[in-house]
Amino acid sequence: MAILRGLTAMTDTCEIGLEEVRDVVFEHLELDTSKNDVTPDTLWDSLTTDSLDCVELIMALEERFNTVLPDYVFEGVFTVGEMTAFICSSLS
């Protein structure tokens, strides 16, 4: 999707990383897995069990990184890596 083109390179220069996004995920969701099992390729939908979980996780990410994640982004964000890249782009 056009929203995500070029964002992967931004994570190289971004101050936040996958580990920080994983921390937020594990603080707000009760996952039956270890943090190391959540990789950049982990599907975003596989982390949340319902729409309320997703909304709460989005709000937690916005609060943690002091940013706003617009609704349209979730039509194009499919993995944890893509979410990390989008957050990085919103901070630059």
C-alpha atoms as a PDB file:
ATOM      1  CA  MET A   1       0.000   0.000   0.000  1.00  0.00           C
ATOM      2  CA  ALA A   2       1.185   3.518  -0.768  1.00  0.00           C
ATOM      3  CA  ILE A   3       1.086   4.542   2.901  1.00  0.00           C
ATOM      4  CA  LEU A   4       3.870   2.128   3.749  1.00  0.00           C
ATOM      5  CA  ARG A   5       6.196   2.629   0.778  1.00  0.00           C
ATOM      6  CA  GLY A   6       9.618   3.714   1.944  1.00  0.00           C
ATOM      7  CA  LEU A   7       8.803   3.448   5.649  1.00  0.00           C
ATOM      8  CA  THR A   8      11.005   0.433   6.309  1.00  0.00           C
ATOM      9  CA  ALA A   9      14.159   2.469   5.703  1.00  0.00           C
ATOM     10  CA  MET A  10      12.987   5.013   8.276  1.00  0.00           C
ATOM     11  CA  THR A  11      13.225   2.486  11.091  1.00  0.00           C
ATOM     12  CA  ASP A  12      17.000   2.481  10.607  1.00  0.00           C
ATOM     13  CA  THR A  13      17.195   6.134  11.669  1.00  0.00           C
ATOM     14  CA  CYS A  14      14.256   6.149  14.081  1.00  0.00           C
ATOM     15  CA  GLU A  15      14.824   6.391  17.803  1.00  0.00           C
ATOM     16  CA  ILE A  16      12.195   3.784  18.594  1.00  0.00           C
ATOM     17  CA  GLY A  17      12.438   0.188  17.573  1.00  0.00           C
ATOM     18  CA  LEU A  18      10.718  -3.121  17.513  1.00  0.00           C
ATOM     19  CA  GLU A  19      11.641  -3.795  21.149  1.00  0.00           C
ATOM     20  CA  GLU A  20       9.743  -0.723  22.350  1.00  0.00           C
ATOM     21  CA  VAL A  21       6.682  -1.609  20.283  1.00  0.00           C
ATOM     22  CA  ARG A  22       6.849  -5.168  21.649  1.00  0.00           C
ATOM     23  CA  ASP A  23       7.016  -3.776  25.197  1.00  0.00           C
ATOM     24  CA  VAL A  24       3.740  -1.922  24.650  1.00  0.00           C
ATOM     25  CA  VAL A  25       2.135  -5.002  23.101  1.00  0.00           C
ATOM     26  CA  PHE A  26       3.100  -7.161  26.064  1.00  0.00           C
ATOM     27  CA  GLU A  27       2.066  -4.524  28.614  1.00  0.00           C
ATOM     28  CA  HIS A  28      -1.463  -4.381  27.207  1.00  0.00           C
ATOM     29  CA  LEU A  29      -2.208  -7.857  25.877  1.00  0.00           C
ATOM     30  CA  GLU A  30      -2.082 -11.228  27.563  1.00  0.00           C
ATOM     31  CA  LEU A  31      -0.185 -13.200  24.962  1.00  0.00           C
ATOM     32  CA  ASP A  32       0.640 -16.884  25.212  1.00  0.00           C
ATOM     33  CA  THR A  33       4.056 -16.340  23.657  1.00  0.00           C
ATOM     34  CA  SER A  34       7.412 -14.795  24.450  1.00  0.00           C
ATOM     35  CA  LYS A  35       8.561 -11.364  23.274  1.00  0.00           C
ATOM     36  CA  ASN A  36      11.105 -13.037  21.003  1.00  0.00           C
ATOM     37  CA  ASP A  37       8.262 -14.720  19.120  1.00  0.00           C
ATOM     38  CA  VAL A  38       6.910 -11.298  18.087  1.00  0.00           C
ATOM     39  CA  THR A  39       9.022 -10.380  15.073  1.00  0.00           C
ATOM     40  CA  PRO A  40       8.727  -7.651  12.442  1.00  0.00           C
ATOM     41  CA  ASP A  41       6.830 -10.187  10.318  1.00  0.00           C
ATOM     42  CA  THR A  42       4.268 -11.032  13.010  1.00  0.00           C
ATOM     43  CA  LEU A  43       0.806 -10.236  11.717  1.00  0.00           C
ATOM     44  CA  TRP A  44      -0.837  -7.394  13.632  1.00  0.00           C
ATOM     45  CA  ASP A  45      -4.205  -9.204  13.614  1.00  0.00           C
ATOM     46  CA  SER A  46      -2.656 -12.254  15.291  1.00  0.00           C
ATOM     47  CA  LEU A  47      -1.852 -10.161  18.387  1.00  0.00           C
ATOM     48  CA  THR A  48      -5.339  -8.875  19.141  1.00  0.00           C
ATOM     49  CA  THR A  49      -8.276 -11.088  19.951  1.00  0.00           C
ATOM     50  CA  ASP A  50     -11.019  -8.557  19.228  1.00  0.00           C
ATOM     51  CA  SER A  51     -11.595  -4.978  18.130  1.00  0.00           C
ATOM     52  CA  LEU A  52     -11.508  -3.673  21.709  1.00  0.00           C
ATOM     53  CA  ASP A  53      -8.016  -5.142  22.201  1.00  0.00           C
ATOM     54  CA  CYS A  54      -6.932  -3.466  18.983  1.00  0.00           C
ATOM     55  CA  VAL A  55      -8.317  -0.065  20.012  1.00  0.00           C
ATOM     56  CA  GLU A  56      -6.719  -0.289  23.456  1.00  0.00           C
ATOM     57  CA  LEU A  57      -3.384  -1.279  21.951  1.00  0.00           C
ATOM     58  CA  ILE A  58      -3.514   1.595  19.475  1.00  0.00           C
ATOM     59  CA  MET A  59      -4.296   4.036  22.286  1.00  0.00           C
ATOM     60  CA  ALA A  60      -1.385   2.651  24.316  1.00  0.00           C
ATOM     61  CA  LEU A  61       0.986   3.068  21.363  1.00  0.00           C
ATOM     62  CA  GLU A  62      -0.215   6.628  20.806  1.00  0.00           C
ATOM     63  CA  GLU A  63       0.298   7.464  24.462  1.00  0.00           C
ATOM     64  CA  ARG A  64       3.710   5.792  24.710  1.00  0.00           C
ATOM     65  CA  PHE A  65       5.095   7.477  21.607  1.00  0.00           C
ATOM     66  CA  ASN A  66       3.144  10.736  21.927  1.00  0.00           C
ATOM     67  CA  THR A  67       1.680  10.496  18.439  1.00  0.00           C
ATOM     68  CA  VAL A  68      -1.648  10.026  16.700  1.00  0.00           C
ATOM     69  CA  LEU A  69      -2.219   6.958  14.568  1.00  0.00           C
ATOM     70  CA  PRO A  70      -5.028   7.793  12.118  1.00  0.00           C
ATOM     71  CA  ASP A  71      -7.698   5.184  11.457  1.00  0.00           C
ATOM     72  CA  TYR A  72      -6.781   4.834   7.777  1.00  0.00           C
ATOM     73  CA  VAL A  73      -3.390   3.438   8.715  1.00  0.00           C
ATOM     74  CA  PHE A  74      -4.894   0.208   9.964  1.00  0.00           C
ATOM     75  CA  GLU A  75      -6.152  -0.602   6.497  1.00  0.00           C
ATOM     76  CA  GLY A  76      -2.519  -0.836   5.356  1.00  0.00           C
ATOM     77  CA  VAL A  77      -0.614  -2.007   8.435  1.00  0.00           C
ATOM     78  CA  PHE A  78      -0.421  -5.767   8.547  1.00  0.00           C
ATOM     79  CA  THR A  79       2.694  -6.549  10.588  1.00  0.00           C
ATOM     80  CA  VAL A  80       4.464  -5.380  13.717  1.00  0.00           C
ATOM     81  CA  GLY A  81       7.341  -4.166  11.555  1.00  0.00           C
ATOM     82  CA  GLU A  82       4.991  -2.028   9.474  1.00  0.00           C
ATOM     83  CA  MET A  83       3.465  -0.554  12.638  1.00  0.00           C
ATOM     84  CA  THR A  84       6.943   0.264  13.957  1.00  0.00           C
ATOM     85  CA  ALA A  85       7.817   1.923  10.643  1.00  0.00           C
ATOM     86  CA  PHE A  86       4.611   3.950  10.637  1.00  0.00           C
ATOM     87  CA  ILE A  87       5.180   5.161  14.192  1.00  0.00           C
ATOM     88  CA  CYS A  88       8.721   6.177  13.217  1.00  0.00           C
ATOM     89  CA  SER A  89       7.418   8.110  10.214  1.00  0.00           C
ATOM     90  CA  SER A  90       4.846   9.907  12.354  1.00  0.00           C
ATOM     91  CA  LEU A  91       7.603  11.023  14.748  1.00  0.00           C
ATOM     92  CA  SER A  92       9.847  12.487  12.069  1.00  0.00           C
END
